[in-house]
Amino acid sequence: MAYIDLGLDELQNPGITGLPRFRPETAEPLTALAQVLLRASHSMSRGERELIAAYVSGRHECEFCCTSHSLIAAAQLDQGMTLVQQVRADPESAPISSKLRALLRVAGAVQQSGRAVNAELVEAAREQGATDIEIHDTVLIAAAFCMFNRYVDGLGARVPDSLDEYGNSVQRIVEHGYGV
């Protein structure tokens, strides 16, 4: 049960799905940010961007965000959940591109502290083919998920009891995006 009364059925609105209904005026910009970062046209695939969100959320131990974004990433990556699990366990040995590996290093640094990102990490990502937009958006995805993870866990939002409870939301997001 959430730490505050959200005024809704938490069984039907777990994790971050219920929190915006409590404060709709904050939901709109947060949803728009997620939509742009994770769904808009981009040189990185939607699956790769969701994978960054899942990776950062896993490092924060935010069960709701990590699980939901892992499922969303898996649904959009050819290698599915196997790849997501490999990346979350050890991105250095996961079968991903050297560019994505370098971007995950940047995301991991952001998760620790914005100041943990340094010129060497950014240059290493560039050397692996990352563009300035990809570096920028990786930092912003990681930073946004630092906030989203703290939002969900800081208010004690309910985590579904089973993966089945994520199904409809995952499918809706994959097909239509955030905020639909």
N, C-alpha and C. Protein backbone atom coordinates (compact mmCIF):
# COMPACT_ATOMS: atom_id res chain seq x y z
N MET A 1 0.83 -1.18 0.00
CA MET A 1 0.00 0.00 0.00
C MET A 1 0.88 1.25 0.00
N ALA A 2 0.52 2.20 -0.84
CA ALA A 2 1.28 3.45 -0.93
C ALA A 2 1.27 4.17 0.41
N TYR A 3 2.27 4.97 0.62
CA TYR A 3 2.40 5.71 1.87
C TYR A 3 1.37 6.82 2.02
N ILE A 4 0.77 7.23 0.91
CA ILE A 4 -0.29 8.23 0.95
C ILE A 4 -1.53 7.62 0.31
N ASP A 5 -2.69 8.16 0.64
CA ASP A 5 -3.93 7.67 0.06
C ASP A 5 -4.08 8.26 -1.34
N LEU A 6 -3.93 7.40 -2.34
CA LEU A 6 -4.02 7.86 -3.72
C LEU A 6 -5.47 8.01 -4.18
N GLY A 7 -6.39 7.51 -3.39
CA GLY A 7 -7.79 7.64 -3.74
C GLY A 7 -8.20 6.76 -4.92
N LEU A 8 -7.52 5.62 -5.07
CA LEU A 8 -7.86 4.71 -6.16
C LEU A 8 -7.51 3.30 -5.78
N ASP A 9 -7.96 2.36 -6.57
CA ASP A 9 -7.69 0.95 -6.33
C ASP A 9 -6.26 0.65 -6.75
N GLU A 10 -5.37 0.46 -5.77
CA GLU A 10 -3.95 0.21 -6.07
C GLU A 10 -3.73 -1.12 -6.77
N LEU A 11 -4.64 -2.07 -6.59
CA LEU A 11 -4.50 -3.34 -7.31
C LEU A 11 -4.62 -3.12 -8.81
N GLN A 12 -5.43 -2.16 -9.20
CA GLN A 12 -5.61 -1.86 -10.62
C GLN A 12 -4.61 -0.81 -11.12
N ASN A 13 -3.89 -0.18 -10.21
CA ASN A 13 -2.99 0.92 -10.56
C ASN A 13 -1.66 0.79 -9.84
N PRO A 14 -0.89 -0.27 -10.12
CA PRO A 14 0.38 -0.45 -9.40
C PRO A 14 1.46 0.50 -9.89
N GLY A 15 2.53 0.58 -9.09
CA GLY A 15 3.72 1.35 -9.50
C GLY A 15 3.39 2.76 -9.90
N ILE A 16 4.01 3.17 -10.98
CA ILE A 16 3.85 4.55 -11.44
C ILE A 16 2.52 4.77 -12.15
N THR A 17 1.77 3.71 -12.42
CA THR A 17 0.50 3.90 -13.12
C THR A 17 -0.53 4.62 -12.28
N GLY A 18 -0.50 4.45 -10.96
CA GLY A 18 -1.47 5.11 -10.11
C GLY A 18 -1.05 6.49 -9.63
N LEU A 19 0.22 6.70 -9.49
CA LEU A 19 0.70 7.97 -8.93
C LEU A 19 0.27 9.20 -9.74
N PRO A 20 0.33 9.16 -11.06
CA PRO A 20 -0.10 10.34 -11.82
C PRO A 20 -1.59 10.66 -11.67
N ARG A 21 -2.40 9.67 -11.37
CA ARG A 21 -3.82 9.94 -11.18
C ARG A 21 -4.06 10.76 -9.91
N PHE A 22 -3.14 10.68 -8.97
CA PHE A 22 -3.25 11.47 -7.75
C PHE A 22 -2.97 12.95 -8.03
N ARG A 23 -2.00 13.22 -8.91
CA ARG A 23 -1.63 14.61 -9.27
C ARG A 23 -1.54 14.72 -10.79
N PRO A 24 -2.68 14.80 -11.48
CA PRO A 24 -2.67 14.83 -12.95
C PRO A 24 -1.84 15.98 -13.53
N GLU A 25 -1.74 17.08 -12.82
CA GLU A 25 -0.97 18.22 -13.33
C GLU A 25 0.52 17.92 -13.41
N THR A 26 1.00 16.97 -12.61
CA THR A 26 2.40 16.55 -12.73
C THR A 26 2.55 15.40 -13.71
N ALA A 27 1.47 14.67 -13.92
CA ALA A 27 1.52 13.51 -14.82
C ALA A 27 1.81 13.91 -16.26
N GLU A 28 1.21 14.97 -16.71
CA GLU A 28 1.34 15.36 -18.11
C GLU A 28 2.80 15.59 -18.53
N PRO A 29 3.56 16.42 -17.82
CA PRO A 29 4.95 16.61 -18.26
C PRO A 29 5.82 15.36 -18.05
N LEU A 30 5.55 14.58 -17.00
CA LEU A 30 6.34 13.37 -16.79
C LEU A 30 6.08 12.35 -17.89
N THR A 31 4.83 12.20 -18.26
CA THR A 31 4.47 11.27 -19.34
C THR A 31 5.03 11.75 -20.66
N ALA A 32 4.96 13.04 -20.91
CA ALA A 32 5.51 13.59 -22.16
C ALA A 32 7.01 13.35 -22.23
N LEU A 33 7.71 13.50 -21.12
CA LEU A 33 9.15 13.25 -21.09
C LEU A 33 9.44 11.79 -21.42
N ALA A 34 8.73 10.86 -20.79
CA ALA A 34 8.93 9.43 -21.08
C ALA A 34 8.64 9.14 -22.55
N GLN A 35 7.61 9.72 -23.08
CA GLN A 35 7.24 9.49 -24.48
C GLN A 35 8.35 9.95 -25.42
N VAL A 36 8.88 11.12 -25.19
CA VAL A 36 9.96 11.64 -26.04
C VAL A 36 11.22 10.80 -25.90
N LEU A 37 11.61 10.51 -24.67
CA LEU A 37 12.86 9.79 -24.45
C LEU A 37 12.82 8.35 -24.93
N LEU A 38 11.70 7.68 -24.75
CA LEU A 38 11.65 6.25 -24.99
C LEU A 38 10.91 5.83 -26.26
N ARG A 39 10.13 6.74 -26.83
CA ARG A 39 9.29 6.34 -27.96
C ARG A 39 9.49 7.17 -29.23
N ALA A 40 9.97 8.39 -29.12
CA ALA A 40 10.09 9.26 -30.29
C ALA A 40 11.11 8.70 -31.29
N SER A 41 11.03 9.17 -32.49
CA SER A 41 11.97 8.77 -33.53
C SER A 41 13.39 9.05 -33.05
N HIS A 42 14.28 8.07 -33.27
CA HIS A 42 15.62 8.18 -32.70
C HIS A 42 16.56 7.21 -33.40
N SER A 43 17.85 7.48 -33.36
CA SER A 43 18.83 6.56 -33.94
C SER A 43 18.99 5.30 -33.09
N MET A 44 18.70 5.38 -31.80
CA MET A 44 18.68 4.19 -30.95
C MET A 44 17.27 3.60 -31.01
N SER A 45 17.18 2.30 -31.00
CA SER A 45 15.86 1.68 -31.06
C SER A 45 15.10 1.91 -29.76
N ARG A 46 13.80 1.75 -29.85
CA ARG A 46 12.99 1.84 -28.63
C ARG A 46 13.43 0.79 -27.62
N GLY A 47 13.73 -0.38 -28.09
CA GLY A 47 14.18 -1.45 -27.20
C GLY A 47 15.47 -1.09 -26.48
N GLU A 48 16.41 -0.47 -27.19
CA GLU A 48 17.67 -0.06 -26.56
C GLU A 48 17.44 1.00 -25.50
N ARG A 49 16.56 1.95 -25.79
CA ARG A 49 16.29 3.01 -24.82
C ARG A 49 15.56 2.46 -23.60
N GLU A 50 14.64 1.53 -23.81
CA GLU A 50 13.97 0.88 -22.68
C GLU A 50 14.97 0.05 -21.87
N LEU A 51 15.94 -0.54 -22.57
CA LEU A 51 16.98 -1.31 -21.89
C LEU A 51 17.80 -0.42 -20.96
N ILE A 52 18.10 0.79 -21.39
CA ILE A 52 18.80 1.74 -20.52
C ILE A 52 17.95 2.04 -19.29
N ALA A 53 16.65 2.26 -19.49
CA ALA A 53 15.74 2.51 -18.36
C ALA A 53 15.71 1.32 -17.40
N ALA A 54 15.65 0.12 -17.95
CA ALA A 54 15.62 -1.09 -17.12
C ALA A 54 16.93 -1.25 -16.36
N TYR A 55 18.04 -0.99 -17.04
CA TYR A 55 19.37 -1.12 -16.42
C TYR A 55 19.52 -0.17 -15.23
N VAL A 56 19.18 1.09 -15.43
CA VAL A 56 19.27 2.08 -14.35
C VAL A 56 18.33 1.70 -13.21
N SER A 57 17.11 1.30 -13.56
CA SER A 57 16.13 0.93 -12.53
C SER A 57 16.59 -0.29 -11.74
N GLY A 58 17.24 -1.23 -12.42
CA GLY A 58 17.78 -2.40 -11.73
C GLY A 58 18.88 -2.02 -10.77
N ARG A 59 19.73 -1.08 -11.18
CA ARG A 59 20.81 -0.64 -10.30
C ARG A 59 20.26 0.08 -9.07
N HIS A 60 19.08 0.70 -9.22
CA HIS A 60 18.42 1.35 -8.08
C HIS A 60 17.61 0.36 -7.25
N GLU A 61 17.47 -0.85 -7.74
CA GLU A 61 16.64 -1.85 -7.09
C GLU A 61 15.18 -1.41 -7.02
N CYS A 62 14.73 -0.67 -8.04
CA CYS A 62 13.33 -0.27 -8.14
C CYS A 62 12.61 -1.39 -8.87
N GLU A 63 11.97 -2.25 -8.09
CA GLU A 63 11.39 -3.47 -8.65
C GLU A 63 10.34 -3.18 -9.72
N PHE A 64 9.43 -2.23 -9.46
CA PHE A 64 8.39 -1.95 -10.44
C PHE A 64 8.97 -1.46 -11.76
N CYS A 65 9.81 -0.43 -11.70
CA CYS A 65 10.37 0.15 -12.93
C CYS A 65 11.29 -0.83 -13.65
N CYS A 66 12.10 -1.54 -12.90
CA CYS A 66 13.01 -2.50 -13.51
C CYS A 66 12.24 -3.59 -14.24
N THR A 67 11.23 -4.14 -13.58
CA THR A 67 10.46 -5.20 -14.20
C THR A 67 9.68 -4.69 -15.41
N SER A 68 8.97 -3.59 -15.25
CA SER A 68 8.15 -3.10 -16.36
C SER A 68 9.00 -2.71 -17.56
N HIS A 69 10.10 -2.02 -17.35
CA HIS A 69 10.93 -1.60 -18.49
C HIS A 69 11.74 -2.76 -19.06
N SER A 70 12.05 -3.75 -18.24
CA SER A 70 12.67 -4.97 -18.77
C SER A 70 11.70 -5.66 -19.72
N LEU A 71 10.44 -5.77 -19.32
CA LEU A 71 9.43 -6.42 -20.16
C LEU A 71 9.18 -5.62 -21.45
N ILE A 72 9.14 -4.30 -21.33
CA ILE A 72 8.92 -3.46 -22.50
C ILE A 72 10.12 -3.55 -23.45
N ALA A 73 11.32 -3.53 -22.90
CA ALA A 73 12.53 -3.69 -23.73
C ALA A 73 12.52 -5.04 -24.42
N ALA A 74 12.26 -6.10 -23.66
CA ALA A 74 12.27 -7.46 -24.21
C ALA A 74 11.28 -7.60 -25.36
N ALA A 75 10.14 -6.96 -25.24
CA ALA A 75 9.11 -7.03 -26.29
C ALA A 75 9.56 -6.34 -27.58
N GLN A 76 10.58 -5.49 -27.48
CA GLN A 76 11.02 -4.71 -28.64
C GLN A 76 12.42 -5.07 -29.12
N LEU A 77 13.04 -6.05 -28.49
CA LEU A 77 14.37 -6.49 -28.89
C LEU A 77 14.28 -7.90 -29.47
N ASP A 78 14.99 -8.14 -30.55
CA ASP A 78 14.95 -9.46 -31.19
C ASP A 78 15.34 -10.58 -30.22
N GLN A 79 16.30 -10.31 -29.34
CA GLN A 79 16.79 -11.33 -28.42
C GLN A 79 15.95 -11.43 -27.15
N GLY A 80 14.93 -10.58 -27.02
CA GLY A 80 13.97 -10.65 -25.93
C GLY A 80 14.57 -10.57 -24.54
N MET A 81 13.89 -11.26 -23.62
CA MET A 81 14.25 -11.18 -22.21
C MET A 81 15.63 -11.76 -21.94
N THR A 82 16.07 -12.71 -22.75
CA THR A 82 17.41 -13.27 -22.54
C THR A 82 18.45 -12.15 -22.59
N LEU A 83 18.35 -11.29 -23.59
CA LEU A 83 19.30 -10.18 -23.70
C LEU A 83 19.15 -9.20 -22.55
N VAL A 84 17.92 -8.88 -22.21
CA VAL A 84 17.69 -7.95 -21.11
C VAL A 84 18.35 -8.47 -19.84
N GLN A 85 18.15 -9.74 -19.54
CA GLN A 85 18.75 -10.32 -18.34
C GLN A 85 20.27 -10.33 -18.40
N GLN A 86 20.82 -10.59 -19.58
CA GLN A 86 22.29 -10.57 -19.72
C GLN A 86 22.83 -9.17 -19.48
N VAL A 87 22.16 -8.16 -20.03
CA VAL A 87 22.62 -6.78 -19.85
C VAL A 87 22.50 -6.38 -18.39
N ARG A 88 21.38 -6.71 -17.77
CA ARG A 88 21.21 -6.32 -16.37
C ARG A 88 22.22 -7.03 -15.48
N ALA A 89 22.59 -8.24 -15.81
CA ALA A 89 23.56 -8.98 -14.98
C ALA A 89 24.98 -8.48 -15.19
N ASP A 90 25.35 -8.23 -16.45
CA ASP A 90 26.72 -7.83 -16.75
C ASP A 90 26.80 -7.26 -18.17
N PRO A 91 26.62 -5.95 -18.30
CA PRO A 91 26.65 -5.36 -19.64
C PRO A 91 27.99 -5.53 -20.35
N GLU A 92 29.05 -5.73 -19.58
CA GLU A 92 30.37 -5.87 -20.19
C GLU A 92 30.49 -7.17 -21.00
N SER A 93 29.77 -8.21 -20.61
CA SER A 93 29.85 -9.48 -21.33
C SER A 93 28.60 -9.78 -22.16
N ALA A 94 27.60 -8.93 -22.06
CA ALA A 94 26.36 -9.15 -22.81
C ALA A 94 26.62 -8.99 -24.31
N PRO A 95 25.89 -9.73 -25.14
CA PRO A 95 26.07 -9.65 -26.59
C PRO A 95 25.36 -8.43 -27.20
N ILE A 96 25.92 -7.26 -26.91
CA ILE A 96 25.40 -6.00 -27.42
C ILE A 96 26.51 -5.28 -28.16
N SER A 97 26.13 -4.25 -28.90
CA SER A 97 27.14 -3.48 -29.64
C SER A 97 28.06 -2.76 -28.67
N SER A 98 29.25 -2.48 -29.14
CA SER A 98 30.20 -1.74 -28.30
C SER A 98 29.67 -0.33 -28.02
N LYS A 99 28.89 0.22 -28.94
CA LYS A 99 28.30 1.54 -28.71
C LYS A 99 27.29 1.49 -27.56
N LEU A 100 26.40 0.51 -27.58
CA LEU A 100 25.42 0.40 -26.51
C LEU A 100 26.11 0.12 -25.18
N ARG A 101 27.15 -0.70 -25.19
CA ARG A 101 27.90 -0.98 -23.97
C ARG A 101 28.49 0.32 -23.40
N ALA A 102 29.06 1.15 -24.27
CA ALA A 102 29.64 2.42 -23.83
C ALA A 102 28.55 3.36 -23.29
N LEU A 103 27.38 3.35 -23.93
CA LEU A 103 26.29 4.19 -23.45
C LEU A 103 25.76 3.69 -22.11
N LEU A 104 25.73 2.38 -21.90
CA LEU A 104 25.32 1.84 -20.61
C LEU A 104 26.32 2.22 -19.51
N ARG A 105 27.60 2.33 -19.87
CA ARG A 105 28.58 2.81 -18.88
C ARG A 105 28.25 4.24 -18.46
N VAL A 106 27.88 5.05 -19.44
CA VAL A 106 27.48 6.44 -19.15
C VAL A 106 26.24 6.43 -18.26
N ALA A 107 25.24 5.62 -18.62
CA ALA A 107 24.01 5.54 -17.83
C ALA A 107 24.30 5.08 -16.40
N GLY A 108 25.19 4.10 -16.27
CA GLY A 108 25.57 3.63 -14.94
C GLY A 108 26.24 4.71 -14.11
N ALA A 109 27.03 5.53 -14.77
CA ALA A 109 27.68 6.64 -14.05
C ALA A 109 26.63 7.65 -13.60
N VAL A 110 25.68 7.96 -14.47
CA VAL A 110 24.61 8.90 -14.10
C VAL A 110 23.86 8.36 -12.88
N GLN A 111 23.59 7.05 -12.88
CA GLN A 111 22.85 6.44 -11.77
C GLN A 111 23.60 6.65 -10.45
N GLN A 112 24.93 6.61 -10.49
CA GLN A 112 25.72 6.84 -9.28
C GLN A 112 25.67 8.30 -8.87
N SER A 113 25.93 9.17 -9.83
CA SER A 113 25.95 10.62 -9.60
C SER A 113 26.22 11.29 -10.94
N GLY A 114 25.57 12.40 -11.19
CA GLY A 114 25.86 13.12 -12.43
C GLY A 114 27.34 13.44 -12.57
N ARG A 115 27.99 13.65 -11.46
CA ARG A 115 29.42 13.97 -11.48
C ARG A 115 30.30 12.77 -11.77
N ALA A 116 29.70 11.57 -11.75
CA ALA A 116 30.46 10.37 -12.10
C ALA A 116 30.67 10.26 -13.60
N VAL A 117 29.86 10.98 -14.36
CA VAL A 117 30.07 11.04 -15.81
C VAL A 117 31.27 11.94 -16.05
N ASN A 118 32.18 11.49 -16.88
CA ASN A 118 33.37 12.29 -17.14
C ASN A 118 33.70 12.30 -18.63
N ALA A 119 34.66 13.12 -18.98
CA ALA A 119 35.04 13.26 -20.39
C ALA A 119 35.51 11.94 -20.99
N GLU A 120 36.15 11.10 -20.20
CA GLU A 120 36.63 9.81 -20.71
C GLU A 120 35.48 8.90 -21.10
N LEU A 121 34.44 8.84 -20.27
CA LEU A 121 33.27 8.01 -20.59
C LEU A 121 32.59 8.51 -21.86
N VAL A 122 32.45 9.82 -21.97
CA VAL A 122 31.79 10.40 -23.13
C VAL A 122 32.64 10.16 -24.38
N GLU A 123 33.93 10.37 -24.28
CA GLU A 123 34.81 10.14 -25.43
C GLU A 123 34.81 8.67 -25.83
N ALA A 124 34.79 7.78 -24.87
CA ALA A 124 34.74 6.34 -25.18
C ALA A 124 33.46 6.00 -25.93
N ALA A 125 32.35 6.62 -25.54
CA ALA A 125 31.08 6.39 -26.26
C ALA A 125 31.18 6.92 -27.69
N ARG A 126 31.76 8.10 -27.85
CA ARG A 126 31.96 8.66 -29.20
C ARG A 126 32.84 7.74 -30.04
N GLU A 127 33.90 7.23 -29.45
CA GLU A 127 34.81 6.33 -30.18
C GLU A 127 34.10 5.07 -30.66
N GLN A 128 33.02 4.69 -29.97
CA GLN A 128 32.25 3.51 -30.38
C GLN A 128 31.09 3.88 -31.31
N GLY A 129 31.05 5.15 -31.73
CA GLY A 129 30.05 5.57 -32.71
C GLY A 129 28.85 6.31 -32.16
N ALA A 130 28.81 6.57 -30.87
CA ALA A 130 27.68 7.29 -30.29
C ALA A 130 27.71 8.76 -30.72
N THR A 131 26.55 9.26 -31.09
CA THR A 131 26.42 10.66 -31.46
C THR A 131 26.19 11.50 -30.21
N ASP A 132 26.32 12.80 -30.35
CA ASP A 132 26.06 13.67 -29.21
C ASP A 132 24.60 13.56 -28.77
N ILE A 133 23.67 13.38 -29.70
CA ILE A 133 22.26 13.20 -29.33
C ILE A 133 22.09 11.91 -28.54
N GLU A 134 22.74 10.83 -28.96
CA GLU A 134 22.63 9.57 -28.23
C GLU A 134 23.23 9.68 -26.83
N ILE A 135 24.33 10.38 -26.71
CA ILE A 135 24.95 10.58 -25.39
C ILE A 135 24.03 11.44 -24.53
N HIS A 136 23.55 12.53 -25.09
CA HIS A 136 22.63 13.42 -24.37
C HIS A 136 21.41 12.65 -23.88
N ASP A 137 20.78 11.90 -24.78
CA ASP A 137 19.55 11.21 -24.42
C ASP A 137 19.80 10.06 -23.46
N THR A 138 20.96 9.42 -23.54
CA THR A 138 21.31 8.39 -22.56
C THR A 138 21.41 9.01 -21.17
N VAL A 139 22.08 10.14 -21.07
CA VAL A 139 22.19 10.82 -19.77
C VAL A 139 20.80 11.22 -19.28
N LEU A 140 19.97 11.73 -20.17
CA LEU A 140 18.64 12.18 -19.74
C LEU A 140 17.74 11.00 -19.38
N ILE A 141 17.82 9.89 -20.12
CA ILE A 141 17.05 8.69 -19.76
C ILE A 141 17.48 8.23 -18.37
N ALA A 142 18.78 8.12 -18.16
CA ALA A 142 19.29 7.66 -16.86
C ALA A 142 18.87 8.62 -15.75
N ALA A 143 18.99 9.90 -15.98
CA ALA A 143 18.60 10.89 -14.96
C ALA A 143 17.10 10.84 -14.70
N ALA A 144 16.32 10.72 -15.75
CA ALA A 144 14.86 10.64 -15.59
C ALA A 144 14.48 9.41 -14.78
N PHE A 145 15.17 8.29 -15.04
CA PHE A 145 14.83 7.09 -14.29
C PHE A 145 15.36 7.12 -12.87
N CYS A 146 16.36 7.90 -12.58
CA CYS A 146 16.71 8.14 -11.18
C CYS A 146 15.51 8.79 -10.49
N MET A 147 14.89 9.76 -11.17
CA MET A 147 13.72 10.43 -10.61
C MET A 147 12.51 9.50 -10.56
N PHE A 148 12.19 8.82 -11.67
CA PHE A 148 11.03 7.94 -11.69
C PHE A 148 11.14 6.84 -10.64
N ASN A 149 12.34 6.26 -10.49
CA ASN A 149 12.55 5.21 -9.49
C ASN A 149 12.29 5.75 -8.09
N ARG A 150 12.78 6.91 -7.82
CA ARG A 150 12.60 7.50 -6.49
C ARG A 150 11.14 7.90 -6.26
N TYR A 151 10.47 8.31 -7.32
CA TYR A 151 9.04 8.66 -7.25
C TYR A 151 8.24 7.42 -6.84
N VAL A 152 8.45 6.32 -7.53
CA VAL A 152 7.72 5.08 -7.26
C VAL A 152 8.06 4.54 -5.87
N ASP A 153 9.33 4.39 -5.58
CA ASP A 153 9.73 3.81 -4.30
C ASP A 153 9.54 4.78 -3.14
N GLY A 154 9.72 6.07 -3.39
CA GLY A 154 9.58 7.06 -2.33
C GLY A 154 8.16 7.20 -1.82
N LEU A 155 7.18 6.85 -2.65
CA LEU A 155 5.78 6.88 -2.21
C LEU A 155 5.25 5.49 -1.90
N GLY A 156 6.13 4.50 -1.96
CA GLY A 156 5.72 3.14 -1.60
C GLY A 156 4.67 2.57 -2.52
N ALA A 157 4.75 2.87 -3.80
CA ALA A 157 3.76 2.36 -4.75
C ALA A 157 3.79 0.84 -4.79
N ARG A 158 2.62 0.26 -4.97
CA ARG A 158 2.48 -1.20 -4.97
C ARG A 158 3.18 -1.82 -6.17
N VAL A 159 3.88 -2.91 -5.90
CA VAL A 159 4.53 -3.71 -6.94
C VAL A 159 3.63 -4.91 -7.22
N PRO A 160 3.32 -5.17 -8.50
CA PRO A 160 2.48 -6.33 -8.80
C PRO A 160 3.07 -7.63 -8.24
N ASP A 161 2.18 -8.53 -7.89
CA ASP A 161 2.59 -9.82 -7.33
C ASP A 161 3.12 -10.78 -8.38
N SER A 162 2.73 -10.59 -9.64
CA SER A 162 3.17 -11.50 -10.69
C SER A 162 3.44 -10.74 -11.97
N LEU A 163 4.24 -11.35 -12.85
CA LEU A 163 4.54 -10.73 -14.14
C LEU A 163 3.27 -10.55 -14.98
N ASP A 164 2.29 -11.41 -14.79
CA ASP A 164 1.04 -11.31 -15.55
C ASP A 164 0.37 -9.95 -15.35
N GLU A 165 0.53 -9.37 -14.18
CA GLU A 165 -0.10 -8.07 -13.90
C GLU A 165 0.49 -6.93 -14.73
N TYR A 166 1.67 -7.14 -15.29
CA TYR A 166 2.30 -6.12 -16.12
C TYR A 166 1.81 -6.20 -17.58
N GLY A 167 1.25 -7.33 -17.96
CA GLY A 167 0.96 -7.64 -19.36
C GLY A 167 0.22 -6.59 -20.15
N ASN A 168 -0.94 -6.13 -19.66
CA ASN A 168 -1.73 -5.16 -20.42
C ASN A 168 -1.00 -3.84 -20.59
N SER A 169 -0.35 -3.38 -19.53
CA SER A 169 0.38 -2.11 -19.61
C SER A 169 1.54 -2.21 -20.58
N VAL A 170 2.28 -3.31 -20.51
CA VAL A 170 3.42 -3.49 -21.40
C VAL A 170 2.95 -3.49 -22.85
N GLN A 171 1.93 -4.25 -23.14
CA GLN A 171 1.42 -4.33 -24.51
C GLN A 171 0.92 -2.98 -25.00
N ARG A 172 0.20 -2.25 -24.14
CA ARG A 172 -0.32 -0.94 -24.51
C ARG A 172 0.83 0.04 -24.82
N ILE A 173 1.88 0.01 -23.99
CA ILE A 173 3.01 0.91 -24.21
C ILE A 173 3.75 0.54 -25.48
N VAL A 174 3.99 -0.73 -25.71
CA VAL A 174 4.69 -1.16 -26.92
C VAL A 174 3.91 -0.73 -28.16
N GLU A 175 2.60 -0.87 -28.12
CA GLU A 175 1.77 -0.56 -29.29
C GLU A 175 1.47 0.93 -29.44
N HIS A 176 1.25 1.62 -28.32
CA HIS A 176 0.73 3.00 -28.41
C HIS A 176 1.58 4.05 -27.72
N GLY A 177 2.46 3.64 -26.84
CA GLY A 177 3.30 4.61 -26.14
C GLY A 177 2.80 4.95 -24.76
N TYR A 178 3.44 5.92 -24.15
CA TYR A 178 3.11 6.35 -22.80
C TYR A 178 1.99 7.36 -22.82
N GLY A 179 1.20 7.34 -21.76
CA GLY A 179 0.15 8.32 -21.63
C GLY A 179 -1.11 8.02 -22.43
N VAL A 180 -1.18 6.82 -22.99
CA VAL A 180 -2.36 6.48 -23.80
C VAL A 180 -3.33 5.69 -22.96
